[in-house]
C-alpha atoms as a PDB file:
ATOM      1  CA  MET A   1     215.770  69.626 179.747  1.00  0.00           C
ATOM      2  CA  ASN A   2     219.544  69.912 182.495  1.00  0.00           C
ATOM      3  CA  THR A   3     220.478  66.613 183.496  1.00  0.00           C
ATOM      4  CA  LYS A   4     220.966  67.755 187.123  1.00  0.00           C
ATOM      5  CA  GLN A   5     217.753  69.336 187.173  1.00  0.00           C
ATOM      6  CA  THR A   6     215.857  66.017 186.308  1.00  0.00           C
ATOM      7  CA  ASP A   7     217.501  64.110 188.345  1.00  0.00           C
ATOM      8  CA  LEU A   8     217.268  66.805 191.151  1.00  0.00           C
ATOM      9  CA  ALA A   9     213.083  66.522 190.631  1.00  0.00           C
ATOM     10  CA  ILE A  10     213.362  62.939 191.114  1.00  0.00           C
ATOM     11  CA  LEU A  11     214.961  62.920 194.358  1.00  0.00           C
ATOM     12  CA  ILE A  12     212.751  65.304 195.378  1.00  0.00           C
ATOM     13  CA  LEU A  13     209.389  63.523 194.175  1.00  0.00           C
ATOM     14  CA  ARG A  14     211.044  59.917 195.524  1.00  0.00           C
ATOM     15  CA  SER A  15     211.555  61.641 198.706  1.00  0.00           C
ATOM     16  CA  SER A  16     208.497  63.028 199.537  1.00  0.00           C
ATOM     17  CA  LEU A  17     206.977  59.817 198.418  1.00  0.00           C
ATOM     18  CA  GLY A  18     209.069  57.382 201.316  1.00  0.00           C
ATOM     19  CA  ILE A  19     208.228  59.823 203.433  1.00  0.00           C
ATOM     20  CA  MET A  20     204.497  60.347 203.391  1.00  0.00           C
ATOM     21  CA  PHE A  21     204.402  56.099 202.718  1.00  0.00           C
ATOM     22  CA  ILE A  22     206.997  56.238 205.842  1.00  0.00           C
ATOM     23  CA  ALA A  23     204.663  58.697 208.170  1.00  0.00           C
ATOM     24  CA  HIS A  24     201.398  56.689 207.082  1.00  0.00           C
ATOM     25  CA  ALA A  25     202.911  53.787 208.503  1.00  0.00           C
ATOM     26  CA  PHE A  26     203.674  55.403 211.360  1.00  0.00           C
ATOM     27  CA  LEU A  27     200.073  56.386 211.812  1.00  0.00           C
ATOM     28  CA  LYS A  28     198.821  53.377 211.441  1.00  0.00           C
ATOM     29  CA  ILE A  29     201.682  52.245 214.042  1.00  0.00           C
ATOM     30  CA  PHE A  30     201.719  54.442 216.828  1.00  0.00           C
ATOM     31  CA  VAL A  31     198.236  56.312 216.548  1.00  0.00           C
ATOM     32  CA  PHE A  32     195.725  54.046 215.156  1.00  0.00           C
ATOM     33  CA  THR A  33     197.792  51.143 216.480  1.00  0.00           C
ATOM     34  CA  LEU A  34     197.940  47.979 214.416  1.00  0.00           C
ATOM     35  CA  PRO A  35     194.570  46.235 215.695  1.00  0.00           C
ATOM     36  CA  GLY A  36     192.866  49.603 215.707  1.00  0.00           C
ATOM     37  CA  THR A  37     194.072  49.634 211.809  1.00  0.00           C
ATOM     38  CA  ALA A  38     193.459  45.849 211.478  1.00  0.00           C
ATOM     39  CA  GLN A  39     189.465  46.672 212.305  1.00  0.00           C
ATOM     40  CA  PHE A  40     188.863  49.424 210.611  1.00  0.00           C
ATOM     41  CA  PHE A  41     190.316  47.751 207.225  1.00  0.00           C
ATOM     42  CA  SER A  42     187.801  45.017 208.048  1.00  0.00           C
ATOM     43  CA  SER A  43     184.986  47.536 208.747  1.00  0.00           C
ATOM     44  CA  VAL A  44     185.410  48.933 205.103  1.00  0.00           C
ATOM     45  CA  GLY A  45     185.698  45.166 203.450  1.00  0.00           C
ATOM     46  CA  PHE A  46     189.229  44.687 203.945  1.00  0.00           C
ATOM     47  CA  PRO A  47     190.641  41.152 205.809  1.00  0.00           C
ATOM     48  CA  ALA A  48     191.931  42.893 208.888  1.00  0.00           C
ATOM     49  CA  TRP A  49     195.294  41.128 208.380  1.00  0.00           C
ATOM     50  CA  SER A  50     195.936  42.807 205.254  1.00  0.00           C
ATOM     51  CA  ALA A  51     195.936  46.103 207.866  1.00  0.00           C
ATOM     52  CA  TYR A  52     199.566  44.398 208.949  1.00  0.00           C
ATOM     53  CA  LEU A  53     200.537  43.825 204.991  1.00  0.00           C
ATOM     54  CA  VAL A  54     200.069  47.484 204.103  1.00  0.00           C
ATOM     55  CA  THR A  55     201.720  48.862 207.004  1.00  0.00           C
ATOM     56  CA  VAL A  56     204.692  46.954 206.290  1.00  0.00           C
ATOM     57  CA  MET A  57     205.002  47.568 202.537  1.00  0.00           C
ATOM     58  CA  GLU A  58     204.261  51.583 203.333  1.00  0.00           C
ATOM     59  CA  LEU A  59     207.156  51.225 205.787  1.00  0.00           C
ATOM     60  CA  VAL A  60     209.825  49.269 203.820  1.00  0.00           C
ATOM     61  CA  GLY A  61     208.890  51.042 200.312  1.00  0.00           C
ATOM     62  CA  GLY A  62     209.387  54.273 201.652  1.00  0.00           C
ATOM     63  CA  ILE A  63     212.586  53.603 202.993  1.00  0.00           C
ATOM     64  CA  LEU A  64     213.405  51.630 199.737  1.00  0.00           C
ATOM     65  CA  LEU A  65     212.033  55.239 198.166  1.00  0.00           C
ATOM     66  CA  LEU A  66     214.103  57.000 200.238  1.00  0.00           C
ATOM     67  CA  ALA A  67     216.982  55.380 199.898  1.00  0.00           C
ATOM     68  CA  GLY A  68     216.244  54.862 195.921  1.00  0.00           C
ATOM     69  CA  ILE A  69     216.632  51.228 195.940  1.00  0.00           C
ATOM     70  CA  TYR A  70     214.448  49.358 193.733  1.00  0.00           C
ATOM     71  CA  THR A  71     212.464  52.452 192.710  1.00  0.00           C
ATOM     72  CA  ARG A  72     210.327  51.297 189.469  1.00  0.00           C
ATOM     73  CA  HIS A  73     209.580  48.096 191.649  1.00  0.00           C
ATOM     74  CA  VAL A  74     208.559  49.906 194.746  1.00  0.00           C
ATOM     75  CA  ALA A  75     206.303  52.676 193.467  1.00  0.00           C
ATOM     76  CA  ILE A  76     204.586  49.694 191.091  1.00  0.00           C
ATOM     77  CA  LEU A  77     204.138  48.018 194.225  1.00  0.00           C
ATOM     78  CA  MET A  78     202.449  50.817 196.006  1.00  0.00           C
ATOM     79  CA  ILE A  79     199.865  51.621 193.457  1.00  0.00           C
ATOM     80  CA  PRO A  80     197.693  48.710 194.675  1.00  0.00           C
ATOM     81  CA  ILE A  81     197.515  50.090 198.859  1.00  0.00           C
ATOM     82  CA  LEU A  82     196.848  53.550 196.948  1.00  0.00           C
ATOM     83  CA  LEU A  83     194.002  52.264 194.896  1.00  0.00           C
ATOM     84  CA  GLY A  84     192.545  50.421 198.333  1.00  0.00           C
ATOM     85  CA  ALA A  85     192.551  53.975 199.747  1.00  0.00           C
ATOM     86  CA  PHE A  86     191.159  55.797 197.010  1.00  0.00           C
ATOM     87  CA  TYR A  87     188.419  53.211 197.113  1.00  0.00           C
ATOM     88  CA  VAL A  88     187.462  53.668 200.846  1.00  0.00           C
ATOM     89  CA  HIS A  89     187.534  57.697 200.297  1.00  0.00           C
ATOM     90  CA  SER A  90     186.194  58.109 196.926  1.00  0.00           C
ATOM     91  CA  GLY A  91     182.058  58.056 198.351  1.00  0.00           C
ATOM     92  CA  ASN A  92     183.013  60.830 200.869  1.00  0.00           C
ATOM     93  CA  GLY A  93     183.216  63.491 198.090  1.00  0.00           C
ATOM     94  CA  TRP A  94     186.240  65.432 195.873  1.00  0.00           C
ATOM     95  CA  VAL A  95     188.358  67.555 199.535  1.00  0.00           C
ATOM     96  CA  PHE A  96     189.973  65.613 201.828  1.00  0.00           C
ATOM     97  CA  SER A  97     188.667  67.645 204.357  1.00  0.00           C
ATOM     98  CA  ALA A  98     185.359  66.252 204.098  1.00  0.00           C
ATOM     99  CA  LYS A  99     184.094  63.597 206.501  1.00  0.00           C
ATOM    100  CA  ASN A 100     185.940  60.482 206.446  1.00  0.00           C
ATOM    101  CA  GLY A 101     188.510  62.388 204.201  1.00  0.00           C
ATOM    102  CA  GLY A 102     187.908  62.686 200.290  1.00  0.00           C
ATOM    103  CA  TRP A 103     189.926  61.091 197.427  1.00  0.00           C
ATOM    104  CA  GLU A 104     191.613  63.965 195.888  1.00  0.00           C
ATOM    105  CA  TYR A 105     194.669  63.544 197.639  1.00  0.00           C
ATOM    106  CA  ILE A 106     194.979  60.248 196.727  1.00  0.00           C
ATOM    107  CA  ALA A 107     194.442  60.646 193.540  1.00  0.00           C
ATOM    108  CA  PHE A 108     197.470  63.003 193.323  1.00  0.00           C
ATOM    109  CA  LEU A 109     199.443  60.289 195.452  1.00  0.00           C
ATOM    110  CA  ILE A 110     198.298  57.720 192.619  1.00  0.00           C
ATOM    111  CA  ALA A 111     199.637  59.796 189.919  1.00  0.00           C
ATOM    112  CA  ALA A 112     202.973  60.935 191.466  1.00  0.00           C
ATOM    113  CA  THR A 113     203.999  57.037 192.101  1.00  0.00           C
ATOM    114  CA  VAL A 114     203.092  56.183 188.556  1.00  0.00           C
ATOM    115  CA  VAL A 115     205.422  59.316 187.702  1.00  0.00           C
ATOM    116  CA  GLN A 116     208.165  58.005 190.262  1.00  0.00           C
ATOM    117  CA  ALA A 117     207.582  54.458 188.087  1.00  0.00           C
ATOM    118  CA  LEU A 118     208.148  56.135 185.075  1.00  0.00           C
ATOM    119  CA  LEU A 119     211.086  58.013 186.142  1.00  0.00           C
ATOM    120  CA  GLY A 120     213.245  55.496 188.008  1.00  0.00           C
ATOM    121  CA  SER A 121     215.388  56.536 191.060  1.00  0.00           C
ATOM    122  CA  GLY A 122     217.540  58.934 189.064  1.00  0.00           C
ATOM    123  CA  LYS A 123     220.992  59.495 189.686  1.00  0.00           C
ATOM    124  CA  TYR A 124     220.794  60.612 193.933  1.00  0.00           C
ATOM    125  CA  THR A 125     220.578  57.273 195.346  1.00  0.00           C
ATOM    126  CA  ILE A 126     222.190  56.102 198.533  1.00  0.00           C
ATOM    127  CA  GLN A 127     224.081  53.959 196.139  1.00  0.00           C
ATOM    128  CA  SER A 128     225.797  57.108 194.306  1.00  0.00           C
ATOM    129  CA  PHE A 129     226.690  58.188 197.569  1.00  0.00           C
ATOM    130  CA  ILE A 130     228.603  55.234 198.714  1.00  0.00           C
ATOM    131  CA  LYS A 131     232.015  54.984 197.021  1.00  0.00           C
ATOM    132  CA  PRO A 132     233.770  51.694 195.910  1.00  0.00           C
ATOM    133  CA  ALA A 133     236.624  50.474 197.995  1.00  0.00           C
ATOM    134  CA  SER A 134     239.868  51.225 196.245  1.00  0.00           C
ATOM    135  CA  LYS A 135     241.515  48.235 194.509  1.00  0.00           C
ATOM    136  CA  SER A 136     244.876  47.091 195.954  1.00  0.00           C
ATOM    137  CA  ALA A 137     247.841  46.290 193.721  1.00  0.00           C
END
């Protein structure tokens, strides 16, 4: 396989996951509000405080994924969050448009995040666009 294509594929996957995690953090902050999200977490059996932790992890993790920083570690740390979401939606059926949302979207995100953890950052990261300072004699 062409290395440039592989690196581009990794960039697309990493960026997509990063944007998705950031979007979910913003949803919790700006739409449901953090207190509302904490109340929902509590209603499905998770400690209310975990809503704040999940939101921060989604926001920071998404930014780090976009930048390509600690990609493997970040992806691995995001899997438990996705497993929690899978747990919440698992009884709702397959289709995400089902009442209270199904589980297929989350199952896909888990698979994509595992793949990202296996692939790593790839060539195109924020660091690859920052030129090292030239050395003066």
